């Protein structure tokens, strides 16, 4: 075999040229004819079987940094701190039990009229603390959508101890109006939310009321005064009768005189003053019930810090709920024009 480069003769089985090292092509051998393979019958298609579940105990798994890994345990490792479950304080507000039901036709409730009402619209809710309103131009037709969305948003907030209901309130007087309100209550704090049309505009009103708590000391005094008024008269009359019956025309009357004087000097003035004051207190309580729907007004004291916290938190939650509802139905909350009643207390929340 000659090298194609340098034409040097090489042995027949050489793979490289002995002179220049050029690779030499292997000699071609004639291809032997291959006998045709006999045809075999086509087997039926195999039924696919589900793939077996991977064995996680034998096959290594890739580490996922976002998957929670079991904690590593080391010798002499101090115990891991677990925060204790804080107990609920006594008298804590219960979870929410009921909210306003889905509306149906309540979203189309309009202002109605009543012939006679002796109480104001918020009678029985305490003293008014804040009354604010907002107006949105040319959006009166959207108030049914806002009513439904605000109701849904109040459900989603899940404020503990808060009850929400849909109620129609009536003004005081003859032939007066009745308007629908959301009544949101937490403890002694109540908030009335009115959403409706005012001509072509959308009007939103929020009024907050707080009913001060009842004093334990005043309640005890009232109970003692009632007991003296009811039972003091018969007791005093019996003691006077015993003292008078002890007199005799002949004999020592010093014990009877002492009993009569002690009865008149000690129990007599107490019962007499209570007999004059207690009916006046009852008359004043009846007057408060007829005007403010609060028979126990004399027993109430100033609101405490918890009541004030509930008031501010409820105001803020409802205001944010209204603004979120406006945004949900496609209105811009920034277009609300605030209004205020002259003389009402103003507070930034």
C-alpha atoms as a PDB file:
ATOM      1  CA  UNK A   1       0.000   0.000   0.000  1.00  0.00           C
ATOM      2  CA  UNK A   2       1.517   3.329  -1.062  1.00  0.00           C
ATOM      3  CA  UNK A   3       1.100   6.495   1.033  1.00  0.00           C
ATOM      4  CA  UNK A   4      -1.074   9.046  -0.804  1.00  0.00           C
ATOM      5  CA  UNK A   5       1.141  11.848   0.502  1.00  0.00           C
ATOM      6  CA  UNK A   6       4.702  10.734   0.041  1.00  0.00           C
ATOM      7  CA  UNK A   7       4.082   7.658  -2.185  1.00  0.00           C
ATOM      8  CA  UNK A   8       6.136   5.459   0.130  1.00  0.00           C
ATOM      9  CA  UNK A   9       5.274   1.725  -0.028  1.00  0.00           C
ATOM     10  CA  UNK A  10       3.941   0.365   3.325  1.00  0.00           C
ATOM     11  CA  UNK A  11       2.913  -3.124   4.505  1.00  0.00           C
ATOM     12  CA  UNK A  12      -0.691  -4.078   3.668  1.00  0.00           C
ATOM     13  CA  UNK A  13      -1.951  -3.945   7.286  1.00  0.00           C
ATOM     14  CA  UNK A  14      -0.264  -0.627   8.219  1.00  0.00           C
ATOM     15  CA  UNK A  15      -2.545   2.099   9.595  1.00  0.00           C
ATOM     16  CA  UNK A  16       0.059   4.880   9.358  1.00  0.00           C
ATOM     17  CA  UNK A  17       2.793   5.708   6.834  1.00  0.00           C
ATOM     18  CA  UNK A  18       6.206   4.538   7.974  1.00  0.00           C
ATOM     19  CA  UNK A  19       7.806   7.708   6.591  1.00  0.00           C
ATOM     20  CA  UNK A  20       5.458  10.642   7.115  1.00  0.00           C
ATOM     21  CA  UNK A  21       2.994   9.154   9.646  1.00  0.00           C
ATOM     22  CA  UNK A  22      -0.048   9.940   7.534  1.00  0.00           C
ATOM     23  CA  UNK A  23      -3.061   7.729   8.455  1.00  0.00           C
ATOM     24  CA  UNK A  24      -3.750   5.138   5.828  1.00  0.00           C
ATOM     25  CA  UNK A  25      -7.235   3.994   4.866  1.00  0.00           C
ATOM     26  CA  UNK A  26      -8.113   0.459   5.862  1.00  0.00           C
ATOM     27  CA  UNK A  27      -8.598  -1.882   2.912  1.00  0.00           C
ATOM     28  CA  UNK A  28     -12.255  -2.302   2.038  1.00  0.00           C
ATOM     29  CA  UNK A  29     -13.652  -5.771   2.239  1.00  0.00           C
ATOM     30  CA  UNK A  30     -16.534  -6.960   0.126  1.00  0.00           C
ATOM     31  CA  UNK A  31     -19.881  -6.825   1.980  1.00  0.00           C
ATOM     32  CA  UNK A  32     -21.361 -10.205   2.642  1.00  0.00           C
ATOM     33  CA  UNK A  33     -25.041 -10.600   1.646  1.00  0.00           C
ATOM     34  CA  UNK A  34     -27.366 -10.733   4.631  1.00  0.00           C
ATOM     35  CA  UNK A  35     -30.176 -13.230   4.610  1.00  0.00           C
ATOM     36  CA  UNK A  36     -33.605 -11.622   5.083  1.00  0.00           C
ATOM     37  CA  UNK A  37     -35.033 -12.031   8.608  1.00  0.00           C
ATOM     38  CA  UNK A  38     -38.288 -13.948   8.658  1.00  0.00           C
ATOM     39  CA  UNK A  39     -41.321 -11.854   9.602  1.00  0.00           C
ATOM     40  CA  UNK A  40     -42.736 -12.379  13.044  1.00  0.00           C
ATOM     41  CA  UNK A  41     -46.400 -11.874  14.014  1.00  0.00           C
ATOM     42  CA  UNK A  42     -47.107  -8.452  15.539  1.00  0.00           C
ATOM     43  CA  UNK A  43     -47.813  -8.818  19.277  1.00  0.00           C
ATOM     44  CA  UNK A  44     -51.014  -7.160  20.702  1.00  0.00           C
ATOM     45  CA  UNK A  45     -50.504  -3.682  22.176  1.00  0.00           C
ATOM     46  CA  UNK A  46     -49.535  -3.801  25.813  1.00  0.00           C
ATOM     47  CA  UNK A  47     -51.830  -2.208  28.365  1.00  0.00           C
ATOM     48  CA  UNK A  48     -50.099   0.771  29.957  1.00  0.00           C
ATOM     49  CA  UNK A  49     -49.558   0.397  33.668  1.00  0.00           C
ATOM     50  CA  UNK A  50     -49.275   3.377  36.034  1.00  0.00           C
ATOM     51  CA  UNK A  51     -45.790   4.250  36.953  1.00  0.00           C
ATOM     52  CA  UNK A  52     -44.844   2.992  40.399  1.00  0.00           C
ATOM     53  CA  UNK A  53     -44.618   5.547  43.129  1.00  0.00           C
ATOM     54  CA  UNK A  54     -41.065   6.643  43.811  1.00  0.00           C
ATOM     55  CA  UNK A  55     -39.424   5.192  46.838  1.00  0.00           C
ATOM     56  CA  UNK A  56     -38.368   8.201  48.900  1.00  0.00           C
ATOM     57  CA  UNK A  57     -36.358   6.052  51.262  1.00  0.00           C
ATOM     58  CA  UNK A  58     -34.005   4.821  48.511  1.00  0.00           C
ATOM     59  CA  UNK A  59     -33.856   7.619  45.979  1.00  0.00           C
ATOM     60  CA  UNK A  60     -32.129  10.862  46.984  1.00  0.00           C
ATOM     61  CA  UNK A  61     -34.327  13.937  46.941  1.00  0.00           C
ATOM     62  CA  UNK A  62     -33.337  17.395  45.834  1.00  0.00           C
ATOM     63  CA  UNK A  63     -33.129  19.995  48.634  1.00  0.00           C
ATOM     64  CA  UNK A  64     -35.802  22.663  48.428  1.00  0.00           C
ATOM     65  CA  UNK A  65     -34.733  25.826  50.332  1.00  0.00           C
ATOM     66  CA  UNK A  66     -38.360  27.010  50.577  1.00  0.00           C
ATOM     67  CA  UNK A  67     -39.625  23.771  52.104  1.00  0.00           C
ATOM     68  CA  UNK A  68     -39.705  23.557  55.877  1.00  0.00           C
ATOM     69  CA  UNK A  69     -36.916  21.234  57.045  1.00  0.00           C
ATOM     70  CA  UNK A  70     -36.941  19.318  60.325  1.00  0.00           C
ATOM     71  CA  UNK A  71     -34.847  20.976  63.012  1.00  0.00           C
ATOM     72  CA  UNK A  72     -31.365  19.648  63.538  1.00  0.00           C
ATOM     73  CA  UNK A  73     -30.747  18.053  66.906  1.00  0.00           C
ATOM     74  CA  UNK A  74     -27.322  18.474  68.418  1.00  0.00           C
ATOM     75  CA  UNK A  75     -25.959  17.011  71.643  1.00  0.00           C
ATOM     76  CA  UNK A  76     -26.313  19.206  74.721  1.00  0.00           C
ATOM     77  CA  UNK A  77     -28.603  21.538  72.793  1.00  0.00           C
ATOM     78  CA  UNK A  78     -30.826  23.718  75.052  1.00  0.00           C
ATOM     79  CA  UNK A  79     -34.577  23.303  74.602  1.00  0.00           C
ATOM     80  CA  UNK A  80     -36.196  25.481  71.974  1.00  0.00           C
ATOM     81  CA  UNK A  81     -38.344  28.268  73.427  1.00  0.00           C
ATOM     82  CA  UNK A  82     -42.036  27.850  72.702  1.00  0.00           C
ATOM     83  CA  UNK A  83     -44.268  30.872  73.385  1.00  0.00           C
ATOM     84  CA  UNK A  84     -47.011  30.094  75.842  1.00  0.00           C
ATOM     85  CA  UNK A  85     -50.642  30.410  74.818  1.00  0.00           C
ATOM     86  CA  UNK A  86     -51.922  33.614  76.371  1.00  0.00           C
ATOM     87  CA  UNK A  87     -55.153  33.066  78.301  1.00  0.00           C
ATOM     88  CA  UNK A  88     -58.188  35.091  77.384  1.00  0.00           C
ATOM     89  CA  UNK A  89     -58.949  37.781  79.981  1.00  0.00           C
ATOM     90  CA  UNK A  90     -62.101  37.465  81.988  1.00  0.00           C
ATOM     91  CA  UNK A  91     -65.012  39.237  80.401  1.00  0.00           C
ATOM     92  CA  UNK A  92     -63.391  39.327  76.973  1.00  0.00           C
ATOM     93  CA  UNK A  93     -65.620  40.057  74.045  1.00  0.00           C
ATOM     94  CA  UNK A  94     -67.102  36.893  72.513  1.00  0.00           C
ATOM     95  CA  UNK A  95     -66.497  36.088  68.853  1.00  0.00           C
ATOM     96  CA  UNK A  96     -68.801  37.533  66.275  1.00  0.00           C
ATOM     97  CA  UNK A  97     -72.111  35.682  66.287  1.00  0.00           C
ATOM     98  CA  UNK A  98     -74.217  37.373  63.622  1.00  0.00           C
ATOM     99  CA  UNK A  99     -73.913  40.011  60.951  1.00  0.00           C
ATOM    100  CA  UNK A 100     -76.444  41.703  58.747  1.00  0.00           C
ATOM    101  CA  UNK A 101     -78.024  39.256  56.351  1.00  0.00           C
ATOM    102  CA  UNK A 102     -77.621  39.552  52.558  1.00  0.00           C
ATOM    103  CA  UNK A 103     -79.785  42.342  51.338  1.00  0.00           C
ATOM    104  CA  UNK A 104     -82.400  41.216  48.881  1.00  0.00           C
ATOM    105  CA  UNK A 105     -84.559  44.332  48.479  1.00  0.00           C
ATOM    106  CA  UNK A 106     -83.149  46.215  51.468  1.00  0.00           C
ATOM    107  CA  UNK A 107     -80.663  48.043  49.249  1.00  0.00           C
ATOM    108  CA  UNK A 108     -83.593  49.874  47.673  1.00  0.00           C
ATOM    109  CA  UNK A 109     -84.993  51.048  51.031  1.00  0.00           C
ATOM    110  CA  UNK A 110     -86.137  54.648  50.847  1.00  0.00           C
ATOM    111  CA  UNK A 111     -86.978  57.279  53.430  1.00  0.00           C
ATOM    112  CA  UNK A 112     -90.409  56.599  54.942  1.00  0.00           C
ATOM    113  CA  UNK A 113     -92.618  58.459  57.409  1.00  0.00           C
ATOM    114  CA  UNK A 114     -94.060  57.683  60.820  1.00  0.00           C
ATOM    115  CA  UNK A 115     -97.053  59.336  62.452  1.00  0.00           C
ATOM    116  CA  UNK A 116     -95.749  59.483  66.057  1.00  0.00           C
ATOM    117  CA  UNK A 117     -92.527  58.662  67.884  1.00  0.00           C
ATOM    118  CA  UNK A 118     -91.558  59.726  71.421  1.00  0.00           C
ATOM    119  CA  UNK A 119     -87.858  58.858  71.136  1.00  0.00           C
ATOM    120  CA  UNK A 120     -85.092  60.193  68.935  1.00  0.00           C
ATOM    121  CA  UNK A 121     -83.443  57.992  66.291  1.00  0.00           C
ATOM    122  CA  UNK A 122     -80.531  57.028  68.569  1.00  0.00           C
ATOM    123  CA  UNK A 123     -82.374  56.951  71.892  1.00  0.00           C
ATOM    124  CA  UNK A 124     -80.941  54.315  74.206  1.00  0.00           C
ATOM    125  CA  UNK A 125     -77.467  54.365  72.648  1.00  0.00           C
ATOM    126  CA  UNK A 126     -75.983  56.911  75.053  1.00  0.00           C
ATOM    127  CA  UNK A 127     -74.364  60.286  74.445  1.00  0.00           C
ATOM    128  CA  UNK A 128     -73.376  61.416  70.960  1.00  0.00           C
ATOM    129  CA  UNK A 129     -69.629  61.816  70.567  1.00  0.00           C
ATOM    130  CA  UNK A 130     -69.074  62.403  66.863  1.00  0.00           C
ATOM    131  CA  UNK A 131     -71.187  63.058  63.784  1.00  0.00           C
ATOM    132  CA  UNK A 132     -69.577  63.300  60.361  1.00  0.00           C
ATOM    133  CA  UNK A 133     -70.698  63.016  56.774  1.00  0.00           C
ATOM    134  CA  UNK A 134     -69.301  62.783  53.251  1.00  0.00           C
ATOM    135  CA  UNK A 135     -70.765  63.711  49.882  1.00  0.00           C
ATOM    136  CA  UNK A 136     -69.826  62.436  46.421  1.00  0.00           C
ATOM    137  CA  UNK A 137     -71.103  64.361  43.411  1.00  0.00           C
ATOM    138  CA  UNK A 138     -73.425  62.699  40.885  1.00  0.00           C
ATOM    139  CA  UNK A 139     -73.084  59.182  42.334  1.00  0.00           C
ATOM    140  CA  UNK A 140     -76.473  58.641  44.002  1.00  0.00           C
ATOM    141  CA  UNK A 141     -77.277  55.677  41.715  1.00  0.00           C
ATOM    142  CA  UNK A 142     -74.317  53.712  43.133  1.00  0.00           C
ATOM    143  CA  UNK A 143     -75.531  53.621  46.746  1.00  0.00           C
ATOM    144  CA  UNK A 144     -77.117  50.102  46.473  1.00  0.00           C
ATOM    145  CA  UNK A 145     -73.775  48.687  45.295  1.00  0.00           C
ATOM    146  CA  UNK A 146     -71.953  50.464  48.104  1.00  0.00           C
ATOM    147  CA  UNK A 147     -74.416  49.132  50.700  1.00  0.00           C
ATOM    148  CA  UNK A 148     -73.799  45.547  49.656  1.00  0.00           C
ATOM    149  CA  UNK A 149     -70.051  45.976  49.482  1.00  0.00           C
ATOM    150  CA  UNK A 150     -69.825  47.652  52.894  1.00  0.00           C
ATOM    151  CA  UNK A 151     -71.836  44.807  54.413  1.00  0.00           C
ATOM    152  CA  UNK A 152     -69.445  42.264  52.881  1.00  0.00           C
ATOM    153  CA  UNK A 153     -66.412  44.221  54.020  1.00  0.00           C
ATOM    154  CA  UNK A 154     -67.712  44.352  57.591  1.00  0.00           C
ATOM    155  CA  UNK A 155     -68.050  40.574  57.554  1.00  0.00           C
ATOM    156  CA  UNK A 156     -64.511  40.168  56.271  1.00  0.00           C
ATOM    157  CA  UNK A 157     -63.036  42.341  59.027  1.00  0.00           C
ATOM    158  CA  UNK A 158     -64.191  39.895  61.745  1.00  0.00           C
ATOM    159  CA  UNK A 159     -63.827  42.424  64.573  1.00  0.00           C
ATOM    160  CA  UNK A 160     -64.195  40.517  67.878  1.00  0.00           C
ATOM    161  CA  UNK A 161     -67.243  41.384  69.912  1.00  0.00           C
ATOM    162  CA  UNK A 162     -68.868  43.459  67.161  1.00  0.00           C
ATOM    163  CA  UNK A 163     -72.492  43.006  66.164  1.00  0.00           C
ATOM    164  CA  UNK A 164     -73.844  44.482  62.928  1.00  0.00           C
ATOM    165  CA  UNK A 165     -77.497  44.789  62.001  1.00  0.00           C
ATOM    166  CA  UNK A 166     -79.649  46.666  59.501  1.00  0.00           C
ATOM    167  CA  UNK A 167     -82.257  48.821  61.249  1.00  0.00           C
ATOM    168  CA  UNK A 168     -84.681  51.585  60.358  1.00  0.00           C
ATOM    169  CA  UNK A 169     -84.457  54.552  62.760  1.00  0.00           C
ATOM    170  CA  UNK A 170     -87.240  57.084  63.285  1.00  0.00           C
ATOM    171  CA  UNK A 171     -86.965  60.704  64.394  1.00  0.00           C
ATOM    172  CA  UNK A 172     -88.914  62.088  67.343  1.00  0.00           C
ATOM    173  CA  UNK A 173     -92.138  63.990  66.820  1.00  0.00           C
ATOM    174  CA  UNK A 174     -95.329  63.907  64.751  1.00  0.00           C
ATOM    175  CA  UNK A 175     -95.212  62.779  61.118  1.00  0.00           C
ATOM    176  CA  UNK A 176     -91.432  62.257  61.081  1.00  0.00           C
ATOM    177  CA  UNK A 177     -89.032  60.447  58.762  1.00  0.00           C
ATOM    178  CA  UNK A 178     -87.572  56.943  59.095  1.00  0.00           C
ATOM    179  CA  UNK A 179     -84.213  56.135  57.515  1.00  0.00           C
ATOM    180  CA  UNK A 180     -82.257  52.854  57.215  1.00  0.00           C
ATOM    181  CA  UNK A 181     -78.943  52.572  59.075  1.00  0.00           C
ATOM    182  CA  UNK A 182     -76.192  50.114  59.734  1.00  0.00           C
ATOM    183  CA  UNK A 183     -75.945  49.764  63.533  1.00  0.00           C
ATOM    184  CA  UNK A 184     -72.481  48.565  64.556  1.00  0.00           C
ATOM    185  CA  UNK A 185     -71.957  47.933  68.280  1.00  0.00           C
ATOM    186  CA  UNK A 186     -69.014  46.865  70.434  1.00  0.00           C
ATOM    187  CA  UNK A 187     -69.604  46.829  74.170  1.00  0.00           C
ATOM    188  CA  UNK A 188     -71.085  50.183  75.197  1.00  0.00           C
ATOM    189  CA  UNK A 189     -70.116  51.911  71.926  1.00  0.00           C
ATOM    190  CA  UNK A 190     -72.546  52.202  69.010  1.00  0.00           C
ATOM    191  CA  UNK A 191     -72.074  53.560  65.495  1.00  0.00           C
ATOM    192  CA  UNK A 192     -74.800  54.415  63.013  1.00  0.00           C
ATOM    193  CA  UNK A 193     -73.858  54.399  59.321  1.00  0.00           C
ATOM    194  CA  UNK A 194     -76.270  55.771  56.726  1.00  0.00           C
ATOM    195  CA  UNK A 195     -75.601  55.397  52.982  1.00  0.00           C
ATOM    196  CA  UNK A 196     -78.128  56.828  50.557  1.00  0.00           C
ATOM    197  CA  UNK A 197     -78.851  59.239  47.779  1.00  0.00           C
ATOM    198  CA  UNK A 198     -79.188  62.971  48.320  1.00  0.00           C
ATOM    199  CA  UNK A 199     -80.646  64.172  45.041  1.00  0.00           C
ATOM    200  CA  UNK A 200     -78.067  63.235  42.431  1.00  0.00           C
ATOM    201  CA  UNK A 201     -75.283  62.919  45.011  1.00  0.00           C
ATOM    202  CA  UNK A 202     -74.175  60.052  47.221  1.00  0.00           C
ATOM    203  CA  UNK A 203     -74.348  60.907  50.929  1.00  0.00           C
ATOM    204  CA  UNK A 204     -72.639  58.949  53.727  1.00  0.00           C
ATOM    205  CA  UNK A 205     -73.264  59.770  57.397  1.00  0.00           C
ATOM    206  CA  UNK A 206     -71.564  58.319  60.482  1.00  0.00           C
ATOM    207  CA  UNK A 207     -72.680  59.042  64.062  1.00  0.00           C
ATOM    208  CA  UNK A 208     -71.033  57.501  67.145  1.00  0.00           C
ATOM    209  CA  UNK A 209     -72.589  57.127  70.591  1.00  0.00           C
ATOM    210  CA  UNK A 210     -71.230  55.856  73.877  1.00  0.00           C
ATOM    211  CA  UNK A 211     -73.259  54.698  76.892  1.00  0.00           C
ATOM    212  CA  UNK A 212     -71.209  55.139  80.086  1.00  0.00           C
ATOM    213  CA  UNK A 213     -70.882  52.120  82.396  1.00  0.00           C
ATOM    214  CA  UNK A 214     -72.941  51.695  85.575  1.00  0.00           C
ATOM    215  CA  UNK A 215     -71.128  52.405  88.846  1.00  0.00           C
ATOM    216  CA  UNK A 216     -71.102  49.581  91.405  1.00  0.00           C
ATOM    217  CA  UNK A 217     -71.188  52.085  94.289  1.00  0.00           C
ATOM    218  CA  UNK A 218     -74.203  53.923  92.895  1.00  0.00           C
ATOM    219  CA  UNK A 219     -75.995  50.644  92.266  1.00  0.00           C
ATOM    220  CA  UNK A 220     -75.479  49.590  95.914  1.00  0.00           C
ATOM    221  CA  UNK A 221     -76.748  52.952  97.181  1.00  0.00           C
ATOM    222  CA  UNK A 222     -79.817  52.671  94.962  1.00  0.00           C
ATOM    223  CA  UNK A 223     -80.542  49.160  96.263  1.00  0.00           C
ATOM    224  CA  UNK A 224     -80.194  50.277  99.921  1.00  0.00           C
ATOM    225  CA  UNK A 225     -82.423  53.301  99.283  1.00  0.00           C
ATOM    226  CA  UNK A 226     -85.084  51.119  97.684  1.00  0.00           C
ATOM    227  CA  UNK A 227     -84.946  48.669 100.611  1.00  0.00           C
ATOM    228  CA  UNK A 228     -85.336  51.476 103.152  1.00  0.00           C
ATOM    229  CA  UNK A 229     -88.202  53.006 101.195  1.00  0.00           C
ATOM    230  CA  UNK A 230     -90.055  49.699 100.915  1.00  0.00           C
ATOM    231  CA  UNK A 231     -89.328  48.146 104.298  1.00  0.00           C
ATOM    232  CA  UNK A 232     -88.312  51.079 106.484  1.00  0.00           C
ATOM    233  CA  UNK A 233     -91.840  52.360 107.070  1.00  0.00           C
ATOM    234  CA  UNK A 234     -93.264  49.170 108.609  1.00  0.00           C
ATOM    235  CA  UNK A 235     -90.132  48.626 110.704  1.00  0.00           C
ATOM    236  CA  UNK A 236     -90.222  52.191 112.037  1.00  0.00           C
ATOM    237  CA  UNK A 237     -93.930  51.964 112.789  1.00  0.00           C
ATOM    238  CA  UNK A 238     -93.430  48.726 114.726  1.00  0.00           C
ATOM    239  CA  UNK A 239     -90.603  50.172 116.801  1.00  0.00           C
ATOM    240  CA  UNK A 240     -92.670  53.256 117.620  1.00  0.00           C
ATOM    241  CA  UNK A 241     -95.593  51.065 118.635  1.00  0.00           C
ATOM    242  CA  UNK A 242     -93.419  49.026 120.971  1.00  0.00           C
ATOM    243  CA  UNK A 243     -91.982  52.183 122.558  1.00  0.00           C
ATOM    244  CA  UNK A 244     -95.416  53.711 123.114  1.00  0.00           C
ATOM    245  CA  UNK A 245     -96.880  50.523 124.519  1.00  0.00           C
ATOM    246  CA  UNK A 246     -94.171  50.487 127.178  1.00  0.00           C
ATOM    247  CA  UNK A 247     -95.510  53.608 128.862  1.00  0.00           C
ATOM    248  CA  UNK A 248     -97.532  53.180 132.000  1.00  0.00           C
ATOM    249  CA  UNK A 249     -99.263  55.662 134.157  1.00  0.00           C
ATOM    250  CA  UNK A 250     -97.609  54.292 137.251  1.00  0.00           C
ATOM    251  CA  UNK A 251     -94.097  52.929 137.105  1.00  0.00           C
ATOM    252  CA  UNK A 252     -90.672  53.496 135.568  1.00  0.00           C
ATOM    253  CA  UNK A 253     -90.910  54.690 131.930  1.00  0.00           C
ATOM    254  CA  UNK A 254     -87.186  55.315 131.371  1.00  0.00           C
ATOM    255  CA  UNK A 255     -86.726  52.309 129.047  1.00  0.00           C
ATOM    256  CA  UNK A 256     -89.734  53.210 126.917  1.00  0.00           C
ATOM    257  CA  UNK A 257     -88.598  56.833 126.638  1.00  0.00           C
ATOM    258  CA  UNK A 258     -85.081  55.775 125.627  1.00  0.00           C
ATOM    259  CA  UNK A 259     -86.429  53.439 122.940  1.00  0.00           C
ATOM    260  CA  UNK A 260     -88.742  56.129 121.566  1.00  0.00           C
ATOM    261  CA  UNK A 261     -85.972  58.736 121.429  1.00  0.00           C
ATOM    262  CA  UNK A 262     -83.484  56.375 119.746  1.00  0.00           C
ATOM    263  CA  UNK A 263     -86.076  55.412 117.164  1.00  0.00           C
ATOM    264  CA  UNK A 264     -87.008  59.011 116.376  1.00  0.00           C
ATOM    265  CA  UNK A 265     -83.403  60.326 116.438  1.00  0.00           C
ATOM    266  CA  UNK A 266     -81.708  57.594 114.373  1.00  0.00           C
ATOM    267  CA  UNK A 267     -84.127  55.807 112.115  1.00  0.00           C
ATOM    268  CA  UNK A 268     -86.679  58.566 111.808  1.00  0.00           C
ATOM    269  CA  UNK A 269     -84.519  61.133 109.928  1.00  0.00           C
ATOM    270  CA  UNK A 270     -82.968  58.469 107.703  1.00  0.00           C
ATOM    271  CA  UNK A 271     -86.325  57.107 106.669  1.00  0.00           C
ATOM    272  CA  UNK A 272     -87.831  60.580 106.315  1.00  0.00           C
ATOM    273  CA  UNK A 273     -85.071  61.874 104.016  1.00  0.00           C
ATOM    274  CA  UNK A 274     -85.100  58.681 101.978  1.00  0.00           C
ATOM    275  CA  UNK A 275     -88.889  58.864 101.710  1.00  0.00           C
ATOM    276  CA  UNK A 276     -88.540  62.314 100.107  1.00  0.00           C
ATOM    277  CA  UNK A 277     -85.507  61.667  97.889  1.00  0.00           C
ATOM    278  CA  UNK A 278     -86.285  58.208  96.530  1.00  0.00           C
ATOM    279  CA  UNK A 279     -89.530  59.220  94.762  1.00  0.00           C
ATOM    280  CA  UNK A 280     -87.712  62.156  93.172  1.00  0.00           C
ATOM    281  CA  UNK A 281     -85.040  59.790  91.868  1.00  0.00           C
ATOM    282  CA  UNK A 282     -87.736  57.552  90.439  1.00  0.00           C
ATOM    283  CA  UNK A 283     -89.362  60.502  88.709  1.00  0.00           C
ATOM    284  CA  UNK A 284     -86.030  61.603  87.227  1.00  0.00           C
ATOM    285  CA  UNK A 285     -85.313  58.055  85.985  1.00  0.00           C
ATOM    286  CA  UNK A 286     -88.743  57.917  84.385  1.00  0.00           C
ATOM    287  CA  UNK A 287     -88.060  61.254  82.693  1.00  0.00           C
ATOM    288  CA  UNK A 288     -84.741  59.925  81.335  1.00  0.00           C
ATOM    289  CA  UNK A 289     -86.513  56.861  79.997  1.00  0.00           C
ATOM    290  CA  UNK A 290     -89.114  58.950  78.192  1.00  0.00           C
ATOM    291  CA  UNK A 291     -86.544  61.313  76.684  1.00  0.00           C
ATOM    292  CA  UNK A 292     -83.398  59.174  76.203  1.00  0.00           C
ATOM    293  CA  UNK A 293     -84.705  55.616  76.700  1.00  0.00           C
ATOM    294  CA  UNK A 294     -82.267  55.095  79.585  1.00  0.00           C
ATOM    295  CA  UNK A 295     -83.899  54.358  82.951  1.00  0.00           C
ATOM    296  CA  UNK A 296     -80.534  53.797  84.679  1.00  0.00           C
ATOM    297  CA  UNK A 297     -78.996  57.150  83.704  1.00  0.00           C
ATOM    298  CA  UNK A 298     -78.429  58.151  87.374  1.00  0.00           C
ATOM    299  CA  UNK A 299     -76.251  55.097  87.967  1.00  0.00           C
ATOM    300  CA  UNK A 300     -73.833  55.790  85.121  1.00  0.00           C
ATOM    301  CA  UNK A 301     -70.352  57.324  85.458  1.00  0.00           C
ATOM    302  CA  UNK A 302     -67.861  58.779  82.965  1.00  0.00           C
ATOM    303  CA  UNK A 303     -66.550  56.423  80.242  1.00  0.00           C
ATOM    304  CA  UNK A 304     -63.262  54.692  81.015  1.00  0.00           C
ATOM    305  CA  UNK A 305     -60.208  54.223  78.799  1.00  0.00           C
ATOM    306  CA  UNK A 306     -61.466  50.930  77.367  1.00  0.00           C
ATOM    307  CA  UNK A 307     -64.668  52.589  76.188  1.00  0.00           C
ATOM    308  CA  UNK A 308     -62.688  55.377  74.510  1.00  0.00           C
ATOM    309  CA  UNK A 309     -60.419  52.829  72.796  1.00  0.00           C
ATOM    310  CA  UNK A 310     -63.423  50.931  71.458  1.00  0.00           C
ATOM    311  CA  UNK A 311     -64.924  54.188  70.196  1.00  0.00           C
ATOM    312  CA  UNK A 312     -61.830  55.285  68.268  1.00  0.00           C
ATOM    313  CA  UNK A 313     -61.129  51.803  66.860  1.00  0.00           C
ATOM    314  CA  UNK A 314     -64.705  51.379  65.674  1.00  0.00           C
ATOM    315  CA  UNK A 315     -64.745  54.802  64.010  1.00  0.00           C
ATOM    316  CA  UNK A 316     -61.510  54.085  62.163  1.00  0.00           C
ATOM    317  CA  UNK A 317     -62.576  50.583  61.090  1.00  0.00           C
ATOM    318  CA  UNK A 318     -65.901  51.755  59.666  1.00  0.00           C
ATOM    319  CA  UNK A 319     -64.373  54.729  57.867  1.00  0.00           C
ATOM    320  CA  UNK A 320     -61.756  52.503  56.245  1.00  0.00           C
ATOM    321  CA  UNK A 321     -64.500  50.007  55.339  1.00  0.00           C
ATOM    322  CA  UNK A 322     -66.470  52.706  53.521  1.00  0.00           C
ATOM    323  CA  UNK A 323     -63.420  53.869  51.607  1.00  0.00           C
ATOM    324  CA  UNK A 324     -62.492  50.296  50.655  1.00  0.00           C
ATOM    325  CA  UNK A 325     -66.074  49.671  49.499  1.00  0.00           C
ATOM    326  CA  UNK A 326     -65.962  52.757  47.290  1.00  0.00           C
ATOM    327  CA  UNK A 327     -62.746  51.533  45.725  1.00  0.00           C
ATOM    328  CA  UNK A 328     -64.241  48.069  45.145  1.00  0.00           C
ATOM    329  CA  UNK A 329     -67.178  49.434  43.139  1.00  0.00           C
ATOM    330  CA  UNK A 330     -64.946  51.659  41.027  1.00  0.00           C
ATOM    331  CA  UNK A 331     -65.335  55.012  42.785  1.00  0.00           C
ATOM    332  CA  UNK A 332     -62.440  57.134  43.975  1.00  0.00           C
ATOM    333  CA  UNK A 333     -62.481  57.575  47.788  1.00  0.00           C
ATOM    334  CA  UNK A 334     -60.403  60.732  47.419  1.00  0.00           C
ATOM    335  CA  UNK A 335     -63.434  62.453  45.859  1.00  0.00           C
ATOM    336  CA  UNK A 336     -65.390  62.319  49.125  1.00  0.00           C
ATOM    337  CA  UNK A 337     -66.165  65.823  50.319  1.00  0.00           C
ATOM    338  CA  UNK A 338     -66.240  65.919  54.132  1.00  0.00           C
ATOM    339  CA  UNK A 339     -68.985  67.742  56.026  1.00  0.00           C
ATOM    340  CA  UNK A 340     -69.497  68.243  59.761  1.00  0.00           C
ATOM    341  CA  UNK A 341     -72.257  69.350  62.097  1.00  0.00           C
ATOM    342  CA  UNK A 342     -71.458  72.590  63.935  1.00  0.00           C
ATOM    343  CA  UNK A 343     -70.840  72.073  67.617  1.00  0.00           C
ATOM    344  CA  UNK A 344     -69.936  68.396  67.352  1.00  0.00           C
ATOM    345  CA  UNK A 345     -66.691  67.141  68.742  1.00  0.00           C
ATOM    346  CA  UNK A 346     -63.933  66.865  66.123  1.00  0.00           C
ATOM    347  CA  UNK A 347     -61.172  64.299  66.385  1.00  0.00           C
ATOM    348  CA  UNK A 348     -58.658  63.070  63.852  1.00  0.00           C
ATOM    349  CA  UNK A 349     -58.764  59.319  63.348  1.00  0.00           C
END
